[in-house]
Amino acid sequence: PTVKKEQNVGGLAALAAGTTTASAQEVERYEE
């Protein structure tokens, strides 16, 4: 299943991956 909703910066998901943090809910989803 999807763990996190993909975010984009300038249309690039990889760029967003360097600028976003994991929420508590996402950390729980990664664990699950």
PDB file of all heavy atoms in Angstrom:
ATOM      1  N   PRO A   1       0.839  -1.199   0.000  1.00  0.00           N
ATOM      2  CA  PRO A   1       0.000   0.000   0.000  1.00  0.00           C
ATOM      3  C   PRO A   1       0.876   1.252   0.000  1.00  0.00           C
ATOM      4  O   PRO A   1       2.061   1.191   0.316  1.00  0.00           O
ATOM      5  CB  PRO A   1      -0.776  -0.109   1.313  1.00  0.00           C
ATOM      6  CG  PRO A   1       0.102  -0.923   2.192  1.00  0.00           C
ATOM      7  CD  PRO A   1       0.860  -1.861   1.289  1.00  0.00           C
ATOM      8  N   THR A   2       0.288   2.359  -0.343  1.00  0.00           N
ATOM      9  CA  THR A   2       1.010   3.631  -0.334  1.00  0.00           C
ATOM     10  C   THR A   2       1.245   4.064   1.104  1.00  0.00           C
ATOM     11  O   THR A   2       0.331   4.040   1.921  1.00  0.00           O
ATOM     12  CB  THR A   2       0.194   4.706  -1.081  1.00  0.00           C
ATOM     13  OG1 THR A   2       0.013   4.259  -2.423  1.00  0.00           O
ATOM     14  CG2 THR A   2       0.894   6.045  -1.087  1.00  0.00           C
ATOM     15  N   VAL A   3       2.478   4.462   1.396  1.00  0.00           N
ATOM     16  CA  VAL A   3       2.828   4.918   2.739  1.00  0.00           C
ATOM     17  C   VAL A   3       2.594   6.410   2.865  1.00  0.00           C
ATOM     18  O   VAL A   3       2.077   6.898   3.847  1.00  0.00           O
ATOM     19  CB  VAL A   3       4.298   4.581   3.076  1.00  0.00           C
ATOM     20  CG1 VAL A   3       4.734   5.251   4.367  1.00  0.00           C
ATOM     21  CG2 VAL A   3       4.468   3.081   3.178  1.00  0.00           C
ATOM     22  N   LYS A   4       2.998   7.141   1.852  1.00  0.00           N
ATOM     23  CA  LYS A   4       2.879   8.596   1.935  1.00  0.00           C
ATOM     24  C   LYS A   4       2.386   9.146   0.604  1.00  0.00           C
ATOM     25  O   LYS A   4       2.612   8.565  -0.444  1.00  0.00           O
ATOM     26  CB  LYS A   4       4.224   9.224   2.292  1.00  0.00           C
ATOM     27  CG  LYS A   4       5.312   9.016   1.252  1.00  0.00           C
ATOM     28  CD  LYS A   4       6.644   9.555   1.759  1.00  0.00           C
ATOM     29  CE  LYS A   4       7.746   9.289   0.773  1.00  0.00           C
ATOM     30  NZ  LYS A   4       7.910  10.283  -0.226  1.00  0.00           N
ATOM     31  N   LYS A   5       1.694  10.256   0.681  1.00  0.00           N
ATOM     32  CA  LYS A   5       1.254  10.926  -0.526  1.00  0.00           C
ATOM     33  C   LYS A   5       2.461  11.623  -1.133  1.00  0.00           C
ATOM     34  O   LYS A   5       3.164  12.372  -0.458  1.00  0.00           O
ATOM     35  CB  LYS A   5       0.158  11.941  -0.194  1.00  0.00           C
ATOM     36  CG  LYS A   5      -0.400  12.617  -1.412  1.00  0.00           C
ATOM     37  CD  LYS A   5      -1.499  13.594  -1.042  1.00  0.00           C
ATOM     38  CE  LYS A   5      -1.981  14.240  -2.318  1.00  0.00           C
ATOM     39  NZ  LYS A   5      -2.308  15.620  -2.161  1.00  0.00           N
ATOM     40  N   GLU A   6       2.697  11.332  -2.396  1.00  0.00           N
ATOM     41  CA  GLU A   6       3.864  11.907  -3.071  1.00  0.00           C
ATOM     42  C   GLU A   6       3.711  13.416  -3.189  1.00  0.00           C
ATOM     43  O   GLU A   6       2.651  13.913  -3.564  1.00  0.00           O
ATOM     44  CB  GLU A   6       3.995  11.297  -4.470  1.00  0.00           C
ATOM     45  CG  GLU A   6       5.357  11.398  -5.049  1.00  0.00           C
ATOM     46  CD  GLU A   6       6.341  10.429  -4.402  1.00  0.00           C
ATOM     47  OE1 GLU A   6       6.979  10.817  -3.408  1.00  0.00           O
ATOM     48  OE2 GLU A   6       6.463   9.317  -4.873  1.00  0.00           O
ATOM     49  N   GLN A   7       4.760  14.137  -2.830  1.00  0.00           N
ATOM     50  CA  GLN A   7       4.781  15.586  -2.980  1.00  0.00           C
ATOM     51  C   GLN A   7       5.765  15.934  -4.080  1.00  0.00           C
ATOM     52  O   GLN A   7       6.705  15.186  -4.332  1.00  0.00           O
ATOM     53  CB  GLN A   7       5.198  16.259  -1.675  1.00  0.00           C
ATOM     54  CG  GLN A   7       4.225  16.015  -0.548  1.00  0.00           C
ATOM     55  CD  GLN A   7       4.690  16.673   0.745  1.00  0.00           C
ATOM     56  OE1 GLN A   7       5.743  17.270   0.823  1.00  0.00           O
ATOM     57  NE2 GLN A   7       3.881  16.555   1.774  1.00  0.00           N
ATOM     58  N   ASN A   8       5.539  17.059  -4.721  1.00  0.00           N
ATOM     59  CA  ASN A   8       6.420  17.506  -5.787  1.00  0.00           C
ATOM     60  C   ASN A   8       6.892  18.924  -5.513  1.00  0.00           C
ATOM     61  O   ASN A   8       6.158  19.736  -4.964  1.00  0.00           O
ATOM     62  CB  ASN A   8       5.698  17.488  -7.140  1.00  0.00           C
ATOM     63  CG  ASN A   8       5.379  16.087  -7.602  1.00  0.00           C
ATOM     64  OD1 ASN A   8       6.255  15.234  -7.639  1.00  0.00           O
ATOM     65  ND2 ASN A   8       4.121  15.843  -7.943  1.00  0.00           N
ATOM     66  N   VAL A   9       8.116  19.209  -5.911  1.00  0.00           N
ATOM     67  CA  VAL A   9       8.648  20.569  -5.912  1.00  0.00           C
ATOM     68  C   VAL A   9       9.102  20.823  -7.336  1.00  0.00           C
ATOM     69  O   VAL A   9       9.945  20.101  -7.863  1.00  0.00           O
ATOM     70  CB  VAL A   9       9.836  20.719  -4.921  1.00  0.00           C
ATOM     71  CG1 VAL A   9      10.513  22.063  -5.103  1.00  0.00           C
ATOM     72  CG2 VAL A   9       9.367  20.543  -3.497  1.00  0.00           C
ATOM     73  N   GLY A  10       8.519  21.815  -7.967  1.00  0.00           N
ATOM     74  CA  GLY A  10       8.853  22.091  -9.359  1.00  0.00           C
ATOM     75  C   GLY A  10       8.522  20.911 -10.255  1.00  0.00           C
ATOM     76  O   GLY A  10       9.188  20.681 -11.262  1.00  0.00           O
ATOM     77  N   GLY A  11       7.500  20.127  -9.875  1.00  0.00           N
ATOM     78  CA  GLY A  11       7.095  18.975 -10.664  1.00  0.00           C
ATOM     79  C   GLY A  11       7.943  17.736 -10.446  1.00  0.00           C
ATOM     80  O   GLY A  11       7.746  16.726 -11.107  1.00  0.00           O
ATOM     81  N   LEU A  12       8.879  17.778  -9.504  1.00  0.00           N
ATOM     82  CA  LEU A  12       9.784  16.651  -9.288  1.00  0.00           C
ATOM     83  C   LEU A  12       9.611  16.062  -7.886  1.00  0.00           C
ATOM     84  O   LEU A  12       9.824  16.744  -6.885  1.00  0.00           O
ATOM     85  CB  LEU A  12      11.235  17.086  -9.483  1.00  0.00           C
ATOM     86  CG  LEU A  12      11.585  17.645 -10.854  1.00  0.00           C
ATOM     87  CD1 LEU A  12      12.996  18.205 -10.855  1.00  0.00           C
ATOM     88  CD2 LEU A  12      11.445  16.570 -11.916  1.00  0.00           C
ATOM     89  N   ALA A  13       9.257  14.778  -7.831  1.00  0.00           N
ATOM     90  CA  ALA A  13       9.110  14.098  -6.548  1.00  0.00           C
ATOM     91  C   ALA A  13      10.456  13.950  -5.858  1.00  0.00           C
ATOM     92  O   ALA A  13      10.556  14.069  -4.638  1.00  0.00           O
ATOM     93  CB  ALA A  13       8.457  12.731  -6.747  1.00  0.00           C
ATOM     94  N   ALA A  14      11.511  13.704  -6.626  1.00  0.00           N
ATOM     95  CA  ALA A  14      12.838  13.522  -6.030  1.00  0.00           C
ATOM     96  C   ALA A  14      13.319  14.803  -5.359  1.00  0.00           C
ATOM     97  O   ALA A  14      13.984  14.759  -4.325  1.00  0.00           O
ATOM     98  CB  ALA A  14      13.842  13.063  -7.085  1.00  0.00           C
ATOM     99  N   LEU A  15      12.994  15.955  -5.925  1.00  0.00           N
ATOM    100  CA  LEU A  15      13.376  17.222  -5.321  1.00  0.00           C
ATOM    101  C   LEU A  15      12.612  17.431  -4.015  1.00  0.00           C
ATOM    102  O   LEU A  15      13.183  17.864  -3.016  1.00  0.00           O
ATOM    103  CB  LEU A  15      13.110  18.373  -6.296  1.00  0.00           C
ATOM    104  CG  LEU A  15      13.724  19.714  -5.980  1.00  0.00           C
ATOM    105  CD1 LEU A  15      15.231  19.601  -5.805  1.00  0.00           C
ATOM    106  CD2 LEU A  15      13.415  20.713  -7.081  1.00  0.00           C
ATOM    107  N   ALA A  16      11.347  17.063  -4.008  1.00  0.00           N
ATOM    108  CA  ALA A  16      10.551  17.179  -2.783  1.00  0.00           C
ATOM    109  C   ALA A  16      11.091  16.263  -1.697  1.00  0.00           C
ATOM    110  O   ALA A  16      11.039  16.587  -0.520  1.00  0.00           O
ATOM    111  CB  ALA A  16       9.087  16.847  -3.065  1.00  0.00           C
ATOM    112  N   ALA A  17      11.640  15.121  -2.082  1.00  0.00           N
ATOM    113  CA  ALA A  17      12.157  14.161  -1.106  1.00  0.00           C
ATOM    114  C   ALA A  17      13.306  14.744  -0.299  1.00  0.00           C
ATOM    115  O   ALA A  17      13.573  14.291   0.805  1.00  0.00           O
ATOM    116  CB  ALA A  17      12.608  12.878  -1.811  1.00  0.00           C
ATOM    117  N   GLY A  18      13.980  15.744  -0.829  1.00  0.00           N
ATOM    118  CA  GLY A  18      15.076  16.373  -0.112  1.00  0.00           C
ATOM    119  C   GLY A  18      14.660  17.532   0.752  1.00  0.00           C
ATOM    120  O   GLY A  18      15.470  18.091   1.483  1.00  0.00           O
ATOM    121  N   THR A  19      13.385  17.891   0.683  1.00  0.00           N
ATOM    122  CA  THR A  19      12.941  19.073   1.411  1.00  0.00           C
ATOM    123  C   THR A  19      11.791  18.807   2.376  1.00  0.00           C
ATOM    124  O   THR A  19      11.378  19.703   3.082  1.00  0.00           O
ATOM    125  CB  THR A  19      12.503  20.181   0.419  1.00  0.00           C
ATOM    126  OG1 THR A  19      11.433  19.670  -0.390  1.00  0.00           O
ATOM    127  CG2 THR A  19      13.662  20.615  -0.449  1.00  0.00           C
ATOM    128  N   THR A  20      11.266  17.597   2.405  1.00  0.00           N
ATOM    129  CA  THR A  20      10.138  17.307   3.279  1.00  0.00           C
ATOM    130  C   THR A  20      10.578  16.459   4.468  1.00  0.00           C
ATOM    131  O   THR A  20      11.606  15.805   4.429  1.00  0.00           O
ATOM    132  CB  THR A  20       9.029  16.545   2.516  1.00  0.00           C
ATOM    133  OG1 THR A  20       9.572  15.312   2.031  1.00  0.00           O
ATOM    134  CG2 THR A  20       8.483  17.356   1.378  1.00  0.00           C
ATOM    135  N   THR A  21       9.790  16.481   5.506  1.00  0.00           N
ATOM    136  CA  THR A  21      10.066  15.651   6.677  1.00  0.00           C
ATOM    137  C   THR A  21       8.959  14.612   6.810  1.00  0.00           C
ATOM    138  O   THR A  21       7.868  14.780   6.267  1.00  0.00           O
ATOM    139  CB  THR A  21      10.117  16.507   7.958  1.00  0.00           C
ATOM    140  OG1 THR A  21       8.859  17.171   8.107  1.00  0.00           O
ATOM    141  CG2 THR A  21      11.241  17.517   7.907  1.00  0.00           C
ATOM    142  N   ALA A  22       9.233  13.564   7.546  1.00  0.00           N
ATOM    143  CA  ALA A  22       8.236  12.521   7.771  1.00  0.00           C
ATOM    144  C   ALA A  22       7.368  12.902   8.955  1.00  0.00           C
ATOM    145  O   ALA A  22       7.869  13.218  10.029  1.00  0.00           O
ATOM    146  CB  ALA A  22       8.924  11.183   8.023  1.00  0.00           C
ATOM    147  N   SER A  23       6.060  12.861   8.757  1.00  0.00           N
ATOM    148  CA  SER A  23       5.135  13.126   9.854  1.00  0.00           C
ATOM    149  C   SER A  23       5.090  11.908  10.772  1.00  0.00           C
ATOM    150  O   SER A  23       5.528  10.816  10.413  1.00  0.00           O
ATOM    151  CB  SER A  23       3.732  13.408   9.297  1.00  0.00           C
ATOM    152  OG  SER A  23       3.189  12.214   8.740  1.00  0.00           O
ATOM    153  N   ALA A  24       4.540  12.088  11.953  1.00  0.00           N
ATOM    154  CA  ALA A  24       4.401  10.970  12.902  1.00  0.00           C
ATOM    155  C   ALA A  24       3.558   9.861  12.281  1.00  0.00           C
ATOM    156  O   ALA A  24       3.847   8.674  12.451  1.00  0.00           O
ATOM    157  CB  ALA A  24       3.785  11.461  14.205  1.00  0.00           C
ATOM    158  N   GLN A  25       2.536  10.238  11.549  1.00  0.00           N
ATOM    159  CA  GLN A  25       1.670   9.255  10.895  1.00  0.00           C
ATOM    160  C   GLN A  25       2.442   8.469   9.826  1.00  0.00           C
ATOM    161  O   GLN A  25       2.292   7.255   9.721  1.00  0.00           O
ATOM    162  CB  GLN A  25       0.468   9.955  10.272  1.00  0.00           C
ATOM    163  CG  GLN A  25      -0.548   9.009   9.683  1.00  0.00           C
ATOM    164  CD  GLN A  25      -1.752   9.743   9.121  1.00  0.00           C
ATOM    165  OE1 GLN A  25      -1.672  10.915   8.781  1.00  0.00           O
ATOM    166  NE2 GLN A  25      -2.864   9.031   9.017  1.00  0.00           N
ATOM    167  N   GLU A  26       3.304   9.143   9.068  1.00  0.00           N
ATOM    168  CA  GLU A  26       4.115   8.442   8.066  1.00  0.00           C
ATOM    169  C   GLU A  26       5.113   7.501   8.719  1.00  0.00           C
ATOM    170  O   GLU A  26       5.327   6.384   8.236  1.00  0.00           O
ATOM    171  CB  GLU A  26       4.842   9.448   7.169  1.00  0.00           C
ATOM    172  CG  GLU A  26       3.941  10.127   6.182  1.00  0.00           C
ATOM    173  CD  GLU A  26       4.624  11.259   5.424  1.00  0.00           C
ATOM    174  OE1 GLU A  26       5.680  11.748   5.859  1.00  0.00           O
ATOM    175  OE2 GLU A  26       4.080  11.668   4.390  1.00  0.00           O
ATOM    176  N   VAL A  27       5.701   7.905   9.825  1.00  0.00           N
ATOM    177  CA  VAL A  27       6.633   7.035  10.549  1.00  0.00           C
ATOM    178  C   VAL A  27       5.902   5.764  10.992  1.00  0.00           C
ATOM    179  O   VAL A  27       6.429   4.653  10.849  1.00  0.00           O
ATOM    180  CB  VAL A  27       7.266   7.770  11.750  1.00  0.00           C
ATOM    181  CG1 VAL A  27       8.044   6.809  12.633  1.00  0.00           C
ATOM    182  CG2 VAL A  27       8.164   8.899  11.264  1.00  0.00           C
ATOM    183  N   GLU A  28       4.679   5.917  11.500  1.00  0.00           N
ATOM    184  CA  GLU A  28       3.886   4.753  11.895  1.00  0.00           C
ATOM    185  C   GLU A  28       3.577   3.870  10.689  1.00  0.00           C
ATOM    186  O   GLU A  28       3.611   2.642  10.785  1.00  0.00           O
ATOM    187  CB  GLU A  28       2.590   5.187  12.571  1.00  0.00           C
ATOM    188  CG  GLU A  28       2.797   5.753  13.955  1.00  0.00           C
ATOM    189  CD  GLU A  28       1.511   6.280  14.582  1.00  0.00           C
ATOM    190  OE1 GLU A  28       0.417   6.138  13.974  1.00  0.00           O
ATOM    191  OE2 GLU A  28       1.598   6.841  15.684  1.00  0.00           O
ATOM    192  N   ARG A  29       3.280   4.481   9.546  1.00  0.00           N
ATOM    193  CA  ARG A  29       2.997   3.694   8.346  1.00  0.00           C
ATOM    194  C   ARG A  29       4.244   2.962   7.853  1.00  0.00           C
ATOM    195  O   ARG A  29       4.157   1.834   7.390  1.00  0.00           O
ATOM    196  CB  ARG A  29       2.425   4.584   7.245  1.00  0.00           C
ATOM    197  CG  ARG A  29       0.975   4.903   7.482  1.00  0.00           C
ATOM    198  CD  ARG A  29       0.328   5.471   6.237  1.00  0.00           C
ATOM    199  NE  ARG A  29      -0.403   6.650   6.642  1.00  0.00           N
ATOM    200  CZ  ARG A  29      -0.417   7.804   6.006  1.00  0.00           C
ATOM    201  NH1 ARG A  29       0.240   7.973   4.909  1.00  0.00           N
ATOM    202  NH2 ARG A  29      -1.115   8.811   6.466  1.00  0.00           N
ATOM    203  N   TYR A  30       5.413   3.605   7.950  1.00  0.00           N
ATOM    204  CA  TYR A  30       6.662   2.926   7.581  1.00  0.00           C
ATOM    205  C   TYR A  30       6.879   1.708   8.478  1.00  0.00           C
ATOM    206  O   TYR A  30       7.274   0.641   8.011  1.00  0.00           O
ATOM    207  CB  TYR A  30       7.865   3.865   7.683  1.00  0.00           C
ATOM    208  CG  TYR A  30       8.036   4.802   6.519  1.00  0.00           C
ATOM    209  CD1 TYR A  30       8.157   6.171   6.721  1.00  0.00           C
ATOM    210  CD2 TYR A  30       8.112   4.332   5.213  1.00  0.00           C
ATOM    211  CE1 TYR A  30       8.329   7.045   5.658  1.00  0.00           C
ATOM    212  CE2 TYR A  30       8.286   5.199   4.143  1.00  0.00           C
ATOM    213  CZ  TYR A  30       8.392   6.561   4.371  1.00  0.00           C
ATOM    214  OH  TYR A  30       8.570   7.417   3.316  1.00  0.00           O
ATOM    215  N   GLU A  31       6.628   1.884   9.779  1.00  0.00           N
ATOM    216  CA  GLU A  31       6.783   0.764  10.719  1.00  0.00           C
ATOM    217  C   GLU A  31       5.819  -0.365  10.357  1.00  0.00           C
ATOM    218  O   GLU A  31       6.203  -1.537  10.284  1.00  0.00           O
ATOM    219  CB  GLU A  31       6.543   1.222  12.156  1.00  0.00           C
ATOM    220  CG  GLU A  31       6.632   0.079  13.149  1.00  0.00           C
ATOM    221  CD  GLU A  31       6.299   0.491  14.575  1.00  0.00           C
ATOM    222  OE1 GLU A  31       5.917   1.649  14.815  1.00  0.00           O
ATOM    223  OE2 GLU A  31       6.425  -0.375  15.450  1.00  0.00           O
ATOM    224  N   GLU A  32       4.566  -0.013  10.139  1.00  0.00           N
ATOM    225  CA  GLU A  32       3.560  -1.022   9.803  1.00  0.00           C
ATOM    226  C   GLU A  32       3.916  -1.730   8.494  1.00  0.00           C
ATOM    227  O   GLU A  32       3.834  -2.953   8.400  1.00  0.00           O
ATOM    228  CB  GLU A  32       2.183  -0.370   9.701  1.00  0.00           C
ATOM    229  CG  GLU A  32       1.086  -1.350   9.341  1.00  0.00           C
ATOM    230  CD  GLU A  32      -0.278  -0.683   9.207  1.00  0.00           C
ATOM    231  OE1 GLU A  32      -0.349   0.555   9.050  1.00  0.00           O
ATOM    232  OE2 GLU A  32      -1.269  -1.419   9.242  1.00  0.00           O
TER     233      GLU A  32
END
